[in-house]
Amino acid sequence: MYKLQIRKEAIEQKQEAFAWYGSQRINFGNELLSGVGACLQKIAQHPQHYSRLNDRYRRIQTKGFPRLLIFEIEAQSKIVYIISLFHTSKNPKREYRSEE
């Protein structure tokens, strides 16, 4: 099992998405949080199973929402850094280049 560390940017993006989805329909924000939580559990168990975005980052799609969790694995210390809750209307390959 890997330890997860969620970056400030990802927390802020989750809060913004929760507020927006919550304003669209009752409990919709909670559904997003449930989907994000399920993704976090999967990442903690097997982070290598998810698609590479590039040499540095990987991604997992949240079920039912146009959002990707972007993360980086530090294999030696068994830590996964959650970098972003990214909206799929944007291009993650442009935003998260390997050389960063």
N, C-alpha and C. Protein backbone atom coordinates (compact mmCIF):
# COMPACT_ATOMS: atom_id res chain seq x y z
N MET A 1 0.85 -1.18 0.00
CA MET A 1 0.00 0.00 0.00
C MET A 1 0.90 1.25 0.00
N TYR A 2 0.54 2.19 -0.84
CA TYR A 2 1.28 3.46 -0.94
C TYR A 2 0.61 4.52 -0.08
N LYS A 3 1.41 5.43 0.44
CA LYS A 3 0.90 6.58 1.17
C LYS A 3 0.57 7.67 0.14
N LEU A 4 -0.55 8.34 0.33
CA LEU A 4 -0.95 9.41 -0.58
C LEU A 4 -0.68 10.77 0.06
N GLN A 5 -0.14 11.66 -0.73
CA GLN A 5 0.01 13.06 -0.32
C GLN A 5 -0.67 13.91 -1.39
N ILE A 6 -1.66 14.64 -0.96
CA ILE A 6 -2.45 15.44 -1.90
C ILE A 6 -1.95 16.88 -1.86
N ARG A 7 -1.53 17.37 -3.02
CA ARG A 7 -1.00 18.73 -3.12
C ARG A 7 -2.11 19.76 -2.96
N LYS A 8 -1.72 20.93 -2.51
CA LYS A 8 -2.66 22.02 -2.26
C LYS A 8 -3.50 22.33 -3.50
N GLU A 9 -2.89 22.35 -4.67
CA GLU A 9 -3.61 22.65 -5.91
C GLU A 9 -4.74 21.64 -6.14
N ALA A 10 -4.47 20.37 -5.89
CA ALA A 10 -5.49 19.33 -6.09
C ALA A 10 -6.63 19.49 -5.09
N ILE A 11 -6.31 19.85 -3.86
CA ILE A 11 -7.35 20.08 -2.85
C ILE A 11 -8.24 21.25 -3.26
N GLU A 12 -7.62 22.32 -3.73
CA GLU A 12 -8.39 23.49 -4.17
C GLU A 12 -9.27 23.13 -5.37
N GLN A 13 -8.74 22.36 -6.31
CA GLN A 13 -9.52 21.95 -7.48
C GLN A 13 -10.70 21.07 -7.07
N LYS A 14 -10.47 20.20 -6.10
CA LYS A 14 -11.56 19.33 -5.60
C LYS A 14 -12.64 20.18 -4.95
N GLN A 15 -12.27 21.17 -4.16
CA GLN A 15 -13.25 22.05 -3.50
C GLN A 15 -14.05 22.84 -4.52
N GLU A 16 -13.38 23.36 -5.54
CA GLU A 16 -14.06 24.12 -6.59
C GLU A 16 -15.03 23.22 -7.36
N ALA A 17 -14.58 22.02 -7.71
CA ALA A 17 -15.43 21.09 -8.46
C ALA A 17 -16.63 20.67 -7.61
N PHE A 18 -16.39 20.39 -6.32
CA PHE A 18 -17.47 20.02 -5.42
C PHE A 18 -18.54 21.13 -5.37
N ALA A 19 -18.10 22.36 -5.23
CA ALA A 19 -19.04 23.49 -5.17
C ALA A 19 -19.82 23.61 -6.48
N TRP A 20 -19.13 23.48 -7.60
CA TRP A 20 -19.80 23.63 -8.89
C TRP A 20 -20.81 22.50 -9.12
N TYR A 21 -20.38 21.26 -8.92
CA TYR A 21 -21.30 20.13 -9.13
C TYR A 21 -22.46 20.18 -8.14
N GLY A 22 -22.17 20.60 -6.91
CA GLY A 22 -23.22 20.72 -5.90
C GLY A 22 -24.26 21.76 -6.27
N SER A 23 -23.86 22.78 -7.00
CA SER A 23 -24.82 23.81 -7.43
C SER A 23 -25.65 23.36 -8.62
N GLN A 24 -25.25 22.28 -9.27
CA GLN A 24 -25.96 21.81 -10.46
C GLN A 24 -27.12 20.88 -10.12
N ARG A 25 -26.93 20.08 -9.07
CA ARG A 25 -27.95 19.08 -8.70
C ARG A 25 -27.70 18.64 -7.26
N ILE A 26 -28.75 18.35 -6.53
CA ILE A 26 -28.62 17.88 -5.15
C ILE A 26 -27.77 16.61 -5.12
N ASN A 27 -26.81 16.58 -4.22
CA ASN A 27 -25.89 15.46 -3.98
C ASN A 27 -24.89 15.21 -5.11
N PHE A 28 -24.90 16.00 -6.15
CA PHE A 28 -23.97 15.79 -7.26
C PHE A 28 -22.52 16.01 -6.80
N GLY A 29 -22.32 17.01 -5.94
CA GLY A 29 -20.99 17.25 -5.39
C GLY A 29 -20.51 16.06 -4.58
N ASN A 30 -21.42 15.47 -3.81
CA ASN A 30 -21.07 14.29 -3.02
C ASN A 30 -20.74 13.10 -3.91
N GLU A 31 -21.42 12.98 -5.03
CA GLU A 31 -21.10 11.90 -5.99
C GLU A 31 -19.68 12.07 -6.53
N LEU A 32 -19.30 13.30 -6.81
CA LEU A 32 -17.93 13.57 -7.25
C LEU A 32 -16.93 13.13 -6.18
N LEU A 33 -17.17 13.53 -4.93
CA LEU A 33 -16.26 13.17 -3.84
C LEU A 33 -16.17 11.66 -3.68
N SER A 34 -17.27 10.97 -3.86
CA SER A 34 -17.27 9.50 -3.78
C SER A 34 -16.40 8.91 -4.89
N GLY A 35 -16.54 9.45 -6.10
CA GLY A 35 -15.73 8.98 -7.22
C GLY A 35 -14.25 9.26 -7.03
N VAL A 36 -13.93 10.42 -6.49
CA VAL A 36 -12.54 10.76 -6.21
C VAL A 36 -11.99 9.83 -5.13
N GLY A 37 -12.78 9.58 -4.10
CA GLY A 37 -12.35 8.67 -3.03
C GLY A 37 -12.06 7.27 -3.54
N ALA A 38 -12.91 6.77 -4.44
CA ALA A 38 -12.69 5.44 -5.02
C ALA A 38 -11.39 5.42 -5.82
N CYS A 39 -11.12 6.49 -6.56
CA CYS A 39 -9.87 6.58 -7.32
C CYS A 39 -8.66 6.60 -6.39
N LEU A 40 -8.76 7.34 -5.31
CA LEU A 40 -7.65 7.42 -4.36
C LEU A 40 -7.35 6.05 -3.75
N GLN A 41 -8.38 5.28 -3.45
CA GLN A 41 -8.17 3.93 -2.92
C GLN A 41 -7.45 3.05 -3.94
N LYS A 42 -7.87 3.15 -5.19
CA LYS A 42 -7.24 2.36 -6.25
C LYS A 42 -5.77 2.75 -6.43
N ILE A 43 -5.52 4.04 -6.42
CA ILE A 43 -4.14 4.53 -6.58
C ILE A 43 -3.27 4.03 -5.43
N ALA A 44 -3.78 4.10 -4.20
CA ALA A 44 -3.00 3.68 -3.03
C ALA A 44 -2.62 2.21 -3.11
N GLN A 45 -3.49 1.40 -3.70
CA GLN A 45 -3.23 -0.04 -3.80
C GLN A 45 -2.29 -0.40 -4.94
N HIS A 46 -2.52 0.16 -6.12
CA HIS A 46 -1.75 -0.22 -7.31
C HIS A 46 -1.53 0.97 -8.24
N PRO A 47 -0.72 1.94 -7.86
CA PRO A 47 -0.56 3.14 -8.69
C PRO A 47 0.05 2.86 -10.07
N GLN A 48 0.81 1.80 -10.19
CA GLN A 48 1.46 1.50 -11.48
C GLN A 48 0.47 0.99 -12.54
N HIS A 49 -0.74 0.64 -12.13
CA HIS A 49 -1.73 0.10 -13.07
C HIS A 49 -2.36 1.14 -13.98
N TYR A 50 -2.13 2.39 -13.70
CA TYR A 50 -2.85 3.44 -14.42
C TYR A 50 -2.00 4.08 -15.51
N SER A 51 -2.69 4.59 -16.50
CA SER A 51 -2.06 5.10 -17.73
C SER A 51 -1.04 6.18 -17.45
N ARG A 52 0.04 6.12 -18.21
CA ARG A 52 1.05 7.16 -18.14
C ARG A 52 0.58 8.37 -18.96
N LEU A 53 0.78 9.50 -18.38
CA LEU A 53 0.54 10.76 -19.09
C LEU A 53 1.82 11.13 -19.83
N ASN A 54 2.95 10.86 -19.17
CA ASN A 54 4.28 11.06 -19.73
C ASN A 54 5.25 10.27 -18.85
N ASP A 55 6.53 10.56 -18.93
CA ASP A 55 7.51 9.81 -18.14
C ASP A 55 7.38 10.03 -16.63
N ARG A 56 6.77 11.12 -16.25
CA ARG A 56 6.70 11.49 -14.84
C ARG A 56 5.34 11.24 -14.19
N TYR A 57 4.27 11.51 -14.92
CA TYR A 57 2.93 11.49 -14.34
C TYR A 57 2.06 10.37 -14.90
N ARG A 58 1.09 9.98 -14.07
CA ARG A 58 0.07 9.02 -14.47
C ARG A 58 -1.30 9.65 -14.22
N ARG A 59 -2.35 8.97 -14.71
CA ARG A 59 -3.70 9.52 -14.57
C ARG A 59 -4.71 8.40 -14.37
N ILE A 60 -5.79 8.76 -13.71
CA ILE A 60 -6.94 7.86 -13.56
C ILE A 60 -8.20 8.71 -13.75
N GLN A 61 -9.16 8.19 -14.48
CA GLN A 61 -10.42 8.88 -14.76
C GLN A 61 -11.39 8.65 -13.61
N THR A 62 -12.05 9.72 -13.15
CA THR A 62 -13.09 9.58 -12.14
C THR A 62 -14.36 9.09 -12.83
N LYS A 63 -14.98 8.09 -12.27
CA LYS A 63 -16.18 7.49 -12.87
C LYS A 63 -17.34 8.48 -12.86
N GLY A 64 -17.90 8.71 -14.05
CA GLY A 64 -19.07 9.56 -14.17
C GLY A 64 -18.80 11.05 -14.25
N PHE A 65 -17.54 11.45 -14.22
CA PHE A 65 -17.19 12.87 -14.26
C PHE A 65 -16.04 13.10 -15.23
N PRO A 66 -16.01 14.26 -15.86
CA PRO A 66 -14.92 14.57 -16.79
C PRO A 66 -13.68 15.09 -16.05
N ARG A 67 -13.19 14.29 -15.14
CA ARG A 67 -12.05 14.68 -14.30
C ARG A 67 -11.03 13.56 -14.24
N LEU A 68 -9.77 13.95 -14.28
CA LEU A 68 -8.66 13.01 -14.12
C LEU A 68 -7.92 13.37 -12.84
N LEU A 69 -7.52 12.35 -12.10
CA LEU A 69 -6.56 12.58 -11.03
C LEU A 69 -5.18 12.37 -11.63
N ILE A 70 -4.36 13.38 -11.57
CA ILE A 70 -2.99 13.32 -12.08
C ILE A 70 -2.09 13.06 -10.88
N PHE A 71 -1.21 12.06 -11.00
CA PHE A 71 -0.36 11.74 -9.87
C PHE A 71 1.03 11.31 -10.29
N GLU A 72 1.93 11.32 -9.32
CA GLU A 72 3.32 10.95 -9.51
C GLU A 72 3.69 9.94 -8.43
N ILE A 73 4.41 8.90 -8.82
CA ILE A 73 4.81 7.85 -7.88
C ILE A 73 6.26 8.04 -7.49
N GLU A 74 6.50 8.00 -6.19
CA GLU A 74 7.87 7.95 -5.68
C GLU A 74 8.04 6.53 -5.13
N ALA A 75 8.56 5.64 -5.97
CA ALA A 75 8.58 4.21 -5.68
C ALA A 75 9.42 3.85 -4.46
N GLN A 76 10.57 4.48 -4.29
CA GLN A 76 11.45 4.13 -3.18
C GLN A 76 10.77 4.32 -1.82
N SER A 77 10.11 5.43 -1.65
CA SER A 77 9.47 5.71 -0.36
C SER A 77 8.01 5.27 -0.32
N LYS A 78 7.50 4.73 -1.43
CA LYS A 78 6.11 4.27 -1.55
C LYS A 78 5.12 5.40 -1.24
N ILE A 79 5.39 6.55 -1.85
CA ILE A 79 4.51 7.71 -1.73
C ILE A 79 3.98 8.06 -3.11
N VAL A 80 2.69 8.36 -3.17
CA VAL A 80 2.07 8.87 -4.39
C VAL A 80 1.63 10.30 -4.12
N TYR A 81 2.08 11.20 -4.98
CA TYR A 81 1.70 12.60 -4.88
C TYR A 81 0.55 12.86 -5.83
N ILE A 82 -0.58 13.27 -5.29
CA ILE A 82 -1.74 13.65 -6.11
C ILE A 82 -1.52 15.11 -6.50
N ILE A 83 -1.31 15.33 -7.78
CA ILE A 83 -0.93 16.65 -8.28
C ILE A 83 -2.15 17.51 -8.62
N SER A 84 -3.17 16.88 -9.23
CA SER A 84 -4.26 17.68 -9.76
C SER A 84 -5.54 16.85 -9.93
N LEU A 85 -6.68 17.51 -9.79
CA LEU A 85 -7.97 16.97 -10.22
C LEU A 85 -8.29 17.77 -11.48
N PHE A 86 -7.95 17.20 -12.60
CA PHE A 86 -7.86 17.90 -13.87
C PHE A 86 -9.12 17.72 -14.70
N HIS A 87 -9.67 18.80 -15.25
CA HIS A 87 -10.85 18.72 -16.11
C HIS A 87 -10.42 18.25 -17.50
N THR A 88 -11.11 17.26 -18.03
CA THR A 88 -10.71 16.65 -19.31
C THR A 88 -10.94 17.53 -20.52
N SER A 89 -11.61 18.67 -20.35
CA SER A 89 -11.75 19.58 -21.50
C SER A 89 -10.42 20.26 -21.81
N LYS A 90 -9.48 20.18 -20.89
CA LYS A 90 -8.15 20.73 -21.09
C LYS A 90 -7.22 19.61 -21.56
N ASN A 91 -6.04 19.97 -21.99
CA ASN A 91 -5.07 18.99 -22.48
C ASN A 91 -4.03 18.71 -21.40
N PRO A 92 -4.13 17.57 -20.70
CA PRO A 92 -3.18 17.31 -19.62
C PRO A 92 -1.74 17.15 -20.10
N LYS A 93 -1.54 16.70 -21.32
CA LYS A 93 -0.18 16.54 -21.82
C LYS A 93 0.49 17.90 -22.00
N ARG A 94 -0.27 18.91 -22.30
CA ARG A 94 0.28 20.25 -22.43
C ARG A 94 0.58 20.83 -21.04
N GLU A 95 -0.31 20.58 -20.11
CA GLU A 95 -0.17 21.15 -18.76
C GLU A 95 0.91 20.45 -17.93
N TYR A 96 1.07 19.14 -18.12
CA TYR A 96 1.97 18.36 -17.27
C TYR A 96 3.04 17.70 -18.14
N ARG A 97 4.01 18.48 -18.51
CA ARG A 97 5.11 17.99 -19.31
C ARG A 97 6.14 17.32 -18.42
N SER A 98 6.88 16.37 -18.97
CA SER A 98 7.88 15.60 -18.21
C SER A 98 8.97 16.47 -17.63
N GLU A 99 9.35 17.50 -18.32
CA GLU A 99 10.51 18.28 -17.89
C GLU A 99 10.21 19.21 -16.72
N GLU A 100 8.98 19.27 -16.25
CA GLU A 100 8.65 20.15 -15.12
C GLU A 100 9.32 19.68 -13.86
